[in-house]
Amino acid sequence: MYAEHLRIMKVLMGMEQEHKVTEDAGRAAEQDAAAQRHAAEEKYEEAVAGLVEMEERAVMAESMLEATFQYHKAQPSPRYVLSYEHTVVKI
């Protein structure tokens, strides 16, 4: 009877140890997943910030291009140029 009791105790202790190992592995997997999720969120935020910056630059470039276009549109086209002898020559 005593030997059978010891065998049952060993089996139960082994099962308890396996359960602990399983729980530890589950916690480690959850922590790893949380770390990966955090890293992915950081990369996403960096990408969004980069896109916002690029969009702002594009808007600024479009504004500058439009201003340049309007400036040149408002300028009279040159009909006369100064020659090397400083005399006006009609084109």
PDB file of N, CA and C in Angstrom:
ATOM      1  N   MET A   1       0.814  -1.183   0.000  1.00  0.00           N
ATOM      2  CA  MET A   1       0.000   0.000   0.000  1.00  0.00           C
ATOM      3  C   MET A   1       0.862   1.253   0.000  1.00  0.00           C
ATOM      4  N   TYR A   2       1.921   1.244   0.794  1.00  0.00           N
ATOM      5  CA  TYR A   2       2.814   2.382   0.899  1.00  0.00           C
ATOM      6  C   TYR A   2       3.490   2.668  -0.443  1.00  0.00           C
ATOM      7  N   ALA A   3       3.942   1.642  -1.154  1.00  0.00           N
ATOM      8  CA  ALA A   3       4.607   1.794  -2.451  1.00  0.00           C
ATOM      9  C   ALA A   3       3.642   2.381  -3.473  1.00  0.00           C
ATOM     10  N   GLU A   4       2.421   1.928  -3.435  1.00  0.00           N
ATOM     11  CA  GLU A   4       1.417   2.458  -4.368  1.00  0.00           C
ATOM     12  C   GLU A   4       1.142   3.933  -4.066  1.00  0.00           C
ATOM     13  N   HIS A   5       1.115   4.252  -2.821  1.00  0.00           N
ATOM     14  CA  HIS A   5       0.902   5.643  -2.418  1.00  0.00           C
ATOM     15  C   HIS A   5       2.057   6.522  -2.917  1.00  0.00           C
ATOM     16  N   LEU A   6       3.283   6.039  -2.818  1.00  0.00           N
ATOM     17  CA  LEU A   6       4.453   6.781  -3.309  1.00  0.00           C
ATOM     18  C   LEU A   6       4.388   6.978  -4.824  1.00  0.00           C
ATOM     19  N   ARG A   7       3.981   5.912  -5.549  1.00  0.00           N
ATOM     20  CA  ARG A   7       3.863   6.031  -7.020  1.00  0.00           C
ATOM     21  C   ARG A   7       2.832   7.104  -7.388  1.00  0.00           C
ATOM     22  N   ILE A   8       1.715   7.099  -6.704  1.00  0.00           N
ATOM     23  CA  ILE A   8       0.672   8.097  -6.986  1.00  0.00           C
ATOM     24  C   ILE A   8       1.198   9.497  -6.686  1.00  0.00           C
ATOM     25  N   MET A   9       1.918   9.641  -5.589  1.00  0.00           N
ATOM     26  CA  MET A   9       2.494  10.944  -5.231  1.00  0.00           C
ATOM     27  C   MET A   9       3.490  11.413  -6.299  1.00  0.00           C
ATOM     28  N   LYS A  10       4.335  10.493  -6.794  1.00  0.00           N
ATOM     29  CA  LYS A  10       5.294  10.850  -7.843  1.00  0.00           C
ATOM     30  C   LYS A  10       4.576  11.291  -9.117  1.00  0.00           C
ATOM     31  N   VAL A  11       3.523  10.559  -9.465  1.00  0.00           N
ATOM     32  CA  VAL A  11       2.757  10.918 -10.663  1.00  0.00           C
ATOM     33  C   VAL A  11       2.136  12.299 -10.491  1.00  0.00           C
ATOM     34  N   LEU A  12       1.537  12.539  -9.333  1.00  0.00           N
ATOM     35  CA  LEU A  12       0.913  13.841  -9.073  1.00  0.00           C
ATOM     36  C   LEU A  12       1.946  14.960  -9.069  1.00  0.00           C
ATOM     37  N   MET A  13       3.112  14.709  -8.482  1.00  0.00           N
ATOM     38  CA  MET A  13       4.177  15.720  -8.473  1.00  0.00           C
ATOM     39  C   MET A  13       4.674  16.003  -9.897  1.00  0.00           C
ATOM     40  N   GLY A  14       4.785  14.958 -10.707  1.00  0.00           N
ATOM     41  CA  GLY A  14       5.190  15.142 -12.104  1.00  0.00           C
ATOM     42  C   GLY A  14       4.160  15.955 -12.875  1.00  0.00           C
ATOM     43  N   MET A  15       2.883  15.654 -12.626  1.00  0.00           N
ATOM     44  CA  MET A  15       1.823  16.402 -13.305  1.00  0.00           C
ATOM     45  C   MET A  15       1.846  17.868 -12.870  1.00  0.00           C
ATOM     46  N   GLU A  16       2.091  18.097 -11.576  1.00  0.00           N
ATOM     47  CA  GLU A  16       2.160  19.464 -11.073  1.00  0.00           C
ATOM     48  C   GLU A  16       3.340  20.206 -11.709  1.00  0.00           C
ATOM     49  N   GLN A  17       4.460  19.551 -11.841  1.00  0.00           N
ATOM     50  CA  GLN A  17       5.637  20.163 -12.471  1.00  0.00           C
ATOM     51  C   GLN A  17       5.357  20.478 -13.941  1.00  0.00           C
ATOM     52  N   GLU A  18       4.741  19.570 -14.664  1.00  0.00           N
ATOM     53  CA  GLU A  18       4.392  19.812 -16.070  1.00  0.00           C
ATOM     54  C   GLU A  18       3.420  20.986 -16.192  1.00  0.00           C
ATOM     55  N   HIS A  19       2.479  21.055 -15.260  1.00  0.00           N
ATOM     56  CA  HIS A  19       1.526  22.166 -15.273  1.00  0.00           C
ATOM     57  C   HIS A  19       2.256  23.498 -15.053  1.00  0.00           C
ATOM     58  N   LYS A  20       3.203  23.514 -14.136  1.00  0.00           N
ATOM     59  CA  LYS A  20       3.978  24.728 -13.869  1.00  0.00           C
ATOM     60  C   LYS A  20       4.789  25.128 -15.100  1.00  0.00           C
ATOM     61  N   VAL A  21       5.428  24.161 -15.731  1.00  0.00           N
ATOM     62  CA  VAL A  21       6.209  24.448 -16.938  1.00  0.00           C
ATOM     63  C   VAL A  21       5.298  25.016 -18.037  1.00  0.00           C
ATOM     64  N   THR A  22       4.116  24.427 -18.179  1.00  0.00           N
ATOM     65  CA  THR A  22       3.158  24.902 -19.185  1.00  0.00           C
ATOM     66  C   THR A  22       2.720  26.331 -18.887  1.00  0.00           C
ATOM     67  N   GLU A  23       2.434  26.623 -17.620  1.00  0.00           N
ATOM     68  CA  GLU A  23       2.032  27.976 -17.239  1.00  0.00           C
ATOM     69  C   GLU A  23       3.163  28.972 -17.488  1.00  0.00           C
ATOM     70  N   ASP A  24       4.387  28.595 -17.133  1.00  0.00           N
ATOM     71  CA  ASP A  24       5.544  29.469 -17.364  1.00  0.00           C
ATOM     72  C   ASP A  24       5.728  29.745 -18.859  1.00  0.00           C
ATOM     73  N   ALA A  25       5.579  28.715 -19.667  1.00  0.00           N
ATOM     74  CA  ALA A  25       5.709  28.888 -21.119  1.00  0.00           C
ATOM     75  C   ALA A  25       4.603  29.798 -21.651  1.00  0.00           C
ATOM     76  N   GLY A  26       3.405  29.643 -21.109  1.00  0.00           N
ATOM     77  CA  GLY A  26       2.297  30.510 -21.528  1.00  0.00           C
ATOM     78  C   GLY A  26       2.551  31.959 -21.172  1.00  0.00           C
ATOM     79  N   ARG A  27       3.061  32.206 -19.964  1.00  0.00           N
ATOM     80  CA  ARG A  27       3.389  33.578 -19.555  1.00  0.00           C
ATOM     81  C   ARG A  27       4.486  34.161 -20.440  1.00  0.00           C
ATOM     82  N   ALA A  28       5.502  33.354 -20.718  1.00  0.00           N
ATOM     83  CA  ALA A  28       6.594  33.829 -21.576  1.00  0.00           C
ATOM     84  C   ALA A  28       6.078  34.156 -22.978  1.00  0.00           C
ATOM     85  N   ALA A  29       5.188  33.325 -23.503  1.00  0.00           N
ATOM     86  CA  ALA A  29       4.617  33.580 -24.829  1.00  0.00           C
ATOM     87  C   ALA A  29       3.775  34.853 -24.831  1.00  0.00           C
ATOM     88  N   GLU A  30       3.015  35.078 -23.757  1.00  0.00           N
ATOM     89  CA  GLU A  30       2.211  36.300 -23.652  1.00  0.00           C
ATOM     90  C   GLU A  30       3.103  37.529 -23.587  1.00  0.00           C
ATOM     91  N   GLN A  31       4.186  37.453 -22.825  1.00  0.00           N
ATOM     92  CA  GLN A  31       5.122  38.579 -22.732  1.00  0.00           C
ATOM     93  C   GLN A  31       5.788  38.850 -24.081  1.00  0.00           C
ATOM     94  N   ASP A  32       6.171  37.793 -24.769  1.00  0.00           N
ATOM     95  CA  ASP A  32       6.792  37.937 -26.092  1.00  0.00           C
ATOM     96  C   ASP A  32       5.809  38.565 -27.078  1.00  0.00           C
ATOM     97  N   ALA A  33       4.573  38.111 -27.040  1.00  0.00           N
ATOM     98  CA  ALA A  33       3.555  38.673 -27.932  1.00  0.00           C
ATOM     99  C   ALA A  33       3.321  40.146 -27.622  1.00  0.00           C
ATOM    100  N   ALA A  34       3.296  40.502 -26.340  1.00  0.00           N
ATOM    101  CA  ALA A  34       3.105  41.900 -25.953  1.00  0.00           C
ATOM    102  C   ALA A  34       4.280  42.756 -26.439  1.00  0.00           C
ATOM    103  N   ALA A  35       5.490  42.242 -26.317  1.00  0.00           N
ATOM    104  CA  ALA A  35       6.671  42.976 -26.782  1.00  0.00           C
ATOM    105  C   ALA A  35       6.629  43.164 -28.299  1.00  0.00           C
ATOM    106  N   GLN A  36       6.242  42.119 -29.021  1.00  0.00           N
ATOM    107  CA  GLN A  36       6.140  42.222 -30.481  1.00  0.00           C
ATOM    108  C   GLN A  36       5.045  43.204 -30.878  1.00  0.00           C
ATOM    109  N   ARG A  37       3.921  43.174 -30.161  1.00  0.00           N
ATOM    110  CA  ARG A  37       2.827  44.093 -30.440  1.00  0.00           C
ATOM    111  C   ARG A  37       3.285  45.536 -30.210  1.00  0.00           C
ATOM    112  N   HIS A  38       4.008  45.753 -29.125  1.00  0.00           N
ATOM    113  CA  HIS A  38       4.521  47.094 -28.810  1.00  0.00           C
ATOM    114  C   HIS A  38       5.486  47.572 -29.900  1.00  0.00           C
ATOM    115  N   ALA A  39       6.382  46.696 -30.325  1.00  0.00           N
ATOM    116  CA  ALA A  39       7.337  47.058 -31.379  1.00  0.00           C
ATOM    117  C   ALA A  39       6.610  47.374 -32.684  1.00  0.00           C
ATOM    118  N   ALA A  40       5.581  46.593 -33.002  1.00  0.00           N
ATOM    119  CA  ALA A  40       4.817  46.837 -34.221  1.00  0.00           C
ATOM    120  C   ALA A  40       4.065  48.165 -34.134  1.00  0.00           C
ATOM    121  N   GLU A  41       3.528  48.473 -32.964  1.00  0.00           N
ATOM    122  CA  GLU A  41       2.826  49.747 -32.781  1.00  0.00           C
ATOM    123  C   GLU A  41       3.786  50.917 -32.949  1.00  0.00           C
ATOM    124  N   GLU A  42       4.997  50.793 -32.418  1.00  0.00           N
ATOM    125  CA  GLU A  42       5.996  51.849 -32.569  1.00  0.00           C
ATOM    126  C   GLU A  42       6.360  52.054 -34.035  1.00  0.00           C
ATOM    127  N   LYS A  43       6.565  50.947 -34.753  1.00  0.00           N
ATOM    128  CA  LYS A  43       6.896  51.054 -36.180  1.00  0.00           C
ATOM    129  C   LYS A  43       5.743  51.681 -36.954  1.00  0.00           C
ATOM    130  N   TYR A  44       4.514  51.321 -36.608  1.00  0.00           N
ATOM    131  CA  TYR A  44       3.342  51.896 -37.268  1.00  0.00           C
ATOM    132  C   TYR A  44       3.283  53.404 -37.019  1.00  0.00           C
ATOM    133  N   GLU A  45       3.494  53.807 -35.764  1.00  0.00           N
ATOM    134  CA  GLU A  45       3.464  55.228 -35.434  1.00  0.00           C
ATOM    135  C   GLU A  45       4.562  55.989 -36.166  1.00  0.00           C
ATOM    136  N   GLU A  46       5.747  55.402 -36.265  1.00  0.00           N
ATOM    137  CA  GLU A  46       6.844  56.039 -37.005  1.00  0.00           C
ATOM    138  C   GLU A  46       6.483  56.178 -38.480  1.00  0.00           C
ATOM    139  N   ALA A  47       5.871  55.136 -39.051  1.00  0.00           N
ATOM    140  CA  ALA A  47       5.490  55.182 -40.454  1.00  0.00           C
ATOM    141  C   ALA A  47       4.437  56.246 -40.697  1.00  0.00           C
ATOM    142  N   VAL A  48       3.452  56.334 -39.810  1.00  0.00           N
ATOM    143  CA  VAL A  48       2.401  57.346 -39.956  1.00  0.00           C
ATOM    144  C   VAL A  48       3.005  58.741 -39.835  1.00  0.00           C
ATOM    145  N   ALA A  49       3.906  58.930 -38.874  1.00  0.00           N
ATOM    146  CA  ALA A  49       4.563  60.228 -38.709  1.00  0.00           C
ATOM    147  C   ALA A  49       5.359  60.589 -39.965  1.00  0.00           C
ATOM    148  N   GLY A  50       6.025  59.614 -40.550  1.00  0.00           N
ATOM    149  CA  GLY A  50       6.771  59.850 -41.790  1.00  0.00           C
ATOM    150  C   GLY A  50       5.853  60.236 -42.933  1.00  0.00           C
ATOM    151  N   LEU A  51       4.704  59.574 -43.017  1.00  0.00           N
ATOM    152  CA  LEU A  51       3.741  59.910 -44.064  1.00  0.00           C
ATOM    153  C   LEU A  51       3.186  61.316 -43.876  1.00  0.00           C
ATOM    154  N   VAL A  52       2.906  61.689 -42.640  1.00  0.00           N
ATOM    155  CA  VAL A  52       2.404  63.038 -42.357  1.00  0.00           C
ATOM    156  C   VAL A  52       3.449  64.067 -42.765  1.00  0.00           C
ATOM    157  N   GLU A  53       4.699  63.802 -42.430  1.00  0.00           N
ATOM    158  CA  GLU A  53       5.779  64.723 -42.794  1.00  0.00           C
ATOM    159  C   GLU A  53       5.909  64.835 -44.320  1.00  0.00           C
ATOM    160  N   MET A  54       5.844  63.701 -45.014  1.00  0.00           N
ATOM    161  CA  MET A  54       5.936  63.733 -46.476  1.00  0.00           C
ATOM    162  C   MET A  54       4.763  64.492 -47.076  1.00  0.00           C
ATOM    163  N   GLU A  55       3.572  64.305 -46.515  1.00  0.00           N
ATOM    164  CA  GLU A  55       2.398  65.018 -47.017  1.00  0.00           C
ATOM    165  C   GLU A  55       2.558  66.523 -46.808  1.00  0.00           C
ATOM    166  N   GLU A  56       3.066  66.925 -45.639  1.00  0.00           N
ATOM    167  CA  GLU A  56       3.299  68.345 -45.379  1.00  0.00           C
ATOM    168  C   GLU A  56       4.308  68.918 -46.369  1.00  0.00           C
ATOM    169  N   ARG A  57       5.362  68.161 -46.655  1.00  0.00           N
ATOM    170  CA  ARG A  57       6.365  68.626 -47.627  1.00  0.00           C
ATOM    171  C   ARG A  57       5.761  68.735 -49.022  1.00  0.00           C
ATOM    172  N   ALA A  58       4.921  67.776 -49.381  1.00  0.00           N
ATOM    173  CA  ALA A  58       4.283  67.815 -50.696  1.00  0.00           C
ATOM    174  C   ALA A  58       3.376  69.031 -50.821  1.00  0.00           C
ATOM    175  N   VAL A  59       2.623  69.330 -49.770  1.00  0.00           N
ATOM    176  CA  VAL A  59       1.741  70.503 -49.782  1.00  0.00           C
ATOM    177  C   VAL A  59       2.580  71.770 -49.908  1.00  0.00           C
ATOM    178  N   MET A  60       3.693  71.825 -49.167  1.00  0.00           N
ATOM    179  CA  MET A  60       4.560  72.997 -49.249  1.00  0.00           C
ATOM    180  C   MET A  60       5.154  73.134 -50.650  1.00  0.00           C
ATOM    181  N   ALA A  61       5.585  72.032 -51.230  1.00  0.00           N
ATOM    182  CA  ALA A  61       6.152  72.069 -52.582  1.00  0.00           C
ATOM    183  C   ALA A  61       5.106  72.509 -53.598  1.00  0.00           C
ATOM    184  N   GLU A  62       3.881  72.004 -53.451  1.00  0.00           N
ATOM    185  CA  GLU A  62       2.810  72.423 -54.362  1.00  0.00           C
ATOM    186  C   GLU A  62       2.532  73.913 -54.220  1.00  0.00           C
ATOM    187  N   SER A  63       2.523  74.415 -53.000  1.00  0.00           N
ATOM    188  CA  SER A  63       2.294  75.843 -52.757  1.00  0.00           C
ATOM    189  C   SER A  63       3.404  76.674 -53.386  1.00  0.00           C
ATOM    190  N   MET A  64       4.643  76.231 -53.205  1.00  0.00           N
ATOM    191  CA  MET A  64       5.772  76.967 -53.785  1.00  0.00           C
ATOM    192  C   MET A  64       5.709  76.937 -55.308  1.00  0.00           C
ATOM    193  N   LEU A  65       5.352  75.799 -55.863  1.00  0.00           N
ATOM    194  CA  LEU A  65       5.231  75.689 -57.316  1.00  0.00           C
ATOM    195  C   LEU A  65       4.131  76.598 -57.839  1.00  0.00           C
ATOM    196  N   GLU A  66       2.999  76.614 -57.160  1.00  0.00           N
ATOM    197  CA  GLU A  66       1.894  77.471 -57.579  1.00  0.00           C
ATOM    198  C   GLU A  66       2.278  78.947 -57.463  1.00  0.00           C
ATOM    199  N   ALA A  67       2.973  79.316 -56.381  1.00  0.00           N
ATOM    200  CA  ALA A  67       3.417  80.703 -56.211  1.00  0.00           C
ATOM    201  C   ALA A  67       4.398  81.086 -57.314  1.00  0.00           C
ATOM    202  N   THR A  68       5.308  80.181 -57.641  1.00  0.00           N
ATOM    203  CA  THR A  68       6.272  80.456 -58.724  1.00  0.00           C
ATOM    204  C   THR A  68       5.548  80.611 -60.049  1.00  0.00           C
ATOM    205  N   PHE A  69       4.593  79.736 -60.303  1.00  0.00           N
ATOM    206  CA  PHE A  69       3.808  79.817 -61.535  1.00  0.00           C
ATOM    207  C   PHE A  69       3.068  81.145 -61.611  1.00  0.00           C
ATOM    208  N   GLN A  70       2.427  81.543 -60.531  1.00  0.00           N
ATOM    209  CA  GLN A  70       1.680  82.809 -60.514  1.00  0.00           C
ATOM    210  C   GLN A  70       2.625  83.992 -60.685  1.00  0.00           C
ATOM    211  N   TYR A  71       3.803  83.927 -60.088  1.00  0.00           N
ATOM    212  CA  TYR A  71       4.778  85.008 -60.230  1.00  0.00           C
ATOM    213  C   TYR A  71       5.202  85.157 -61.685  1.00  0.00           C
ATOM    214  N   HIS A  72       5.557  84.038 -62.313  1.00  0.00           N
ATOM    215  CA  HIS A  72       6.005  84.106 -63.709  1.00  0.00           C
ATOM    216  C   HIS A  72       4.860  84.485 -64.641  1.00  0.00           C
ATOM    217  N   LYS A  73       3.678  84.084 -64.299  1.00  0.00           N
ATOM    218  CA  LYS A  73       2.507  84.438 -65.106  1.00  0.00           C
ATOM    219  C   LYS A  73       2.263  85.944 -65.053  1.00  0.00           C
ATOM    220  N   ALA A  74       2.533  86.568 -63.907  1.00  0.00           N
ATOM    221  CA  ALA A  74       2.303  88.001 -63.734  1.00  0.00           C
ATOM    222  C   ALA A  74       3.416  88.845 -64.346  1.00  0.00           C
ATOM    223  N   GLN A  75       4.566  88.256 -64.592  1.00  0.00           N
ATOM    224  CA  GLN A  75       5.688  89.004 -65.159  1.00  0.00           C
ATOM    225  C   GLN A  75       5.466  89.224 -66.647  1.00  0.00           C
ATOM    226  N   PRO A  76       5.739  90.453 -67.133  1.00  0.00           N
ATOM    227  CA  PRO A  76       5.632  90.679 -68.582  1.00  0.00           C
ATOM    228  C   PRO A  76       6.743  89.921 -69.293  1.00  0.00           C
ATOM    229  N   SER A  77       6.433  89.413 -70.456  1.00  0.00           N
ATOM    230  CA  SER A  77       7.461  88.705 -71.205  1.00  0.00           C
ATOM    231  C   SER A  77       8.441  89.718 -71.768  1.00  0.00           C
ATOM    232  N   PRO A  78       9.723  89.423 -71.697  1.00  0.00           N
ATOM    233  CA  PRO A  78      10.717  90.404 -72.184  1.00  0.00           C
ATOM    234  C   PRO A  78      10.651  90.531 -73.713  1.00  0.00           C
ATOM    235  N   ARG A  79      10.472  91.768 -74.157  1.00  0.00           N
ATOM    236  CA  ARG A  79      10.447  92.026 -75.608  1.00  0.00           C
ATOM    237  C   ARG A  79      11.754  92.666 -76.073  1.00  0.00           C
ATOM    238  N   TYR A  80      12.488  93.172 -75.152  1.00  0.00           N
ATOM    239  CA  TYR A  80      13.749  93.823 -75.474  1.00  0.00           C
ATOM    240  C   TYR A  80      14.835  93.268 -74.566  1.00  0.00           C
ATOM    241  N   VAL A  81      16.036  93.158 -75.108  1.00  0.00           N
ATOM    242  CA  VAL A  81      17.177  92.728 -74.311  1.00  0.00           C
ATOM    243  C   VAL A  81      18.307  93.706 -74.509  1.00  0.00           C
ATOM    244  N   LEU A  82      19.205  93.738 -73.572  1.00  0.00           N
ATOM    245  CA  LEU A  82      20.362  94.610 -73.654  1.00  0.00           C
ATOM    246  C   LEU A  82      21.473  93.835 -74.354  1.00  0.00           C
ATOM    247  N   SER A  83      22.054  94.423 -75.396  1.00  0.00           N
ATOM    248  CA  SER A  83      23.136  93.729 -76.088  1.00  0.00           C
ATOM    249  C   SER A  83      24.444  93.983 -75.355  1.00  0.00           C
ATOM    250  N   TYR A  84      25.506  93.386 -75.877  1.00  0.00           N
ATOM    251  CA  TYR A  84      26.810  93.549 -75.250  1.00  0.00           C
ATOM    252  C   TYR A  84      27.300  94.988 -75.311  1.00  0.00           C
ATOM    253  N   GLU A  85      26.875  95.755 -76.301  1.00  0.00           N
ATOM    254  CA  GLU A  85      27.312  97.143 -76.425  1.00  0.00           C
ATOM    255  C   GLU A  85      26.373  98.078 -75.673  1.00  0.00           C
ATOM    256  N   HIS A  86      25.490  97.535 -74.860  1.00  0.00           N
ATOM    257  CA  HIS A  86      24.513  98.277 -74.076  1.00  0.00           C
ATOM    258  C   HIS A  86      23.553  99.074 -74.929  1.00  0.00           C
ATOM    259  N   THR A  87      23.223  98.508 -76.063  1.00  0.00           N
ATOM    260  CA  THR A  87      22.184  99.101 -76.894  1.00  0.00           C
ATOM    261  C   THR A  87      20.999  98.168 -76.880  1.00  0.00           C
ATOM    262  N   VAL A  88      19.824  98.730 -76.930  1.00  0.00           N
ATOM    263  CA  VAL A  88      18.605  97.946 -76.878  1.00  0.00           C
ATOM    264  C   VAL A  88      18.331  97.351 -78.250  1.00  0.00           C
ATOM    265  N   VAL A  89      18.064  96.065 -78.254  1.00  0.00           N
ATOM    266  CA  VAL A  89      17.788  95.359 -79.511  1.00  0.00           C
ATOM    267  C   VAL A  89      16.415  94.715 -79.356  1.00  0.00           C
ATOM    268  N   LYS A  90      15.556  94.906 -80.362  1.00  0.00           N
ATOM    269  CA  LYS A  90      14.233  94.297 -80.322  1.00  0.00           C
ATOM    270  C   LYS A  90      14.344  92.852 -80.753  1.00  0.00           C
ATOM    271  N   ILE A  91      13.650  91.994 -80.021  1.00  0.00           N
ATOM    272  CA  ILE A  91      13.678  90.564 -80.336  1.00  0.00           C
ATOM    273  C   ILE A  91      12.519  90.216 -81.252  1.00  0.00           C
TER     274      ILE A  91
END
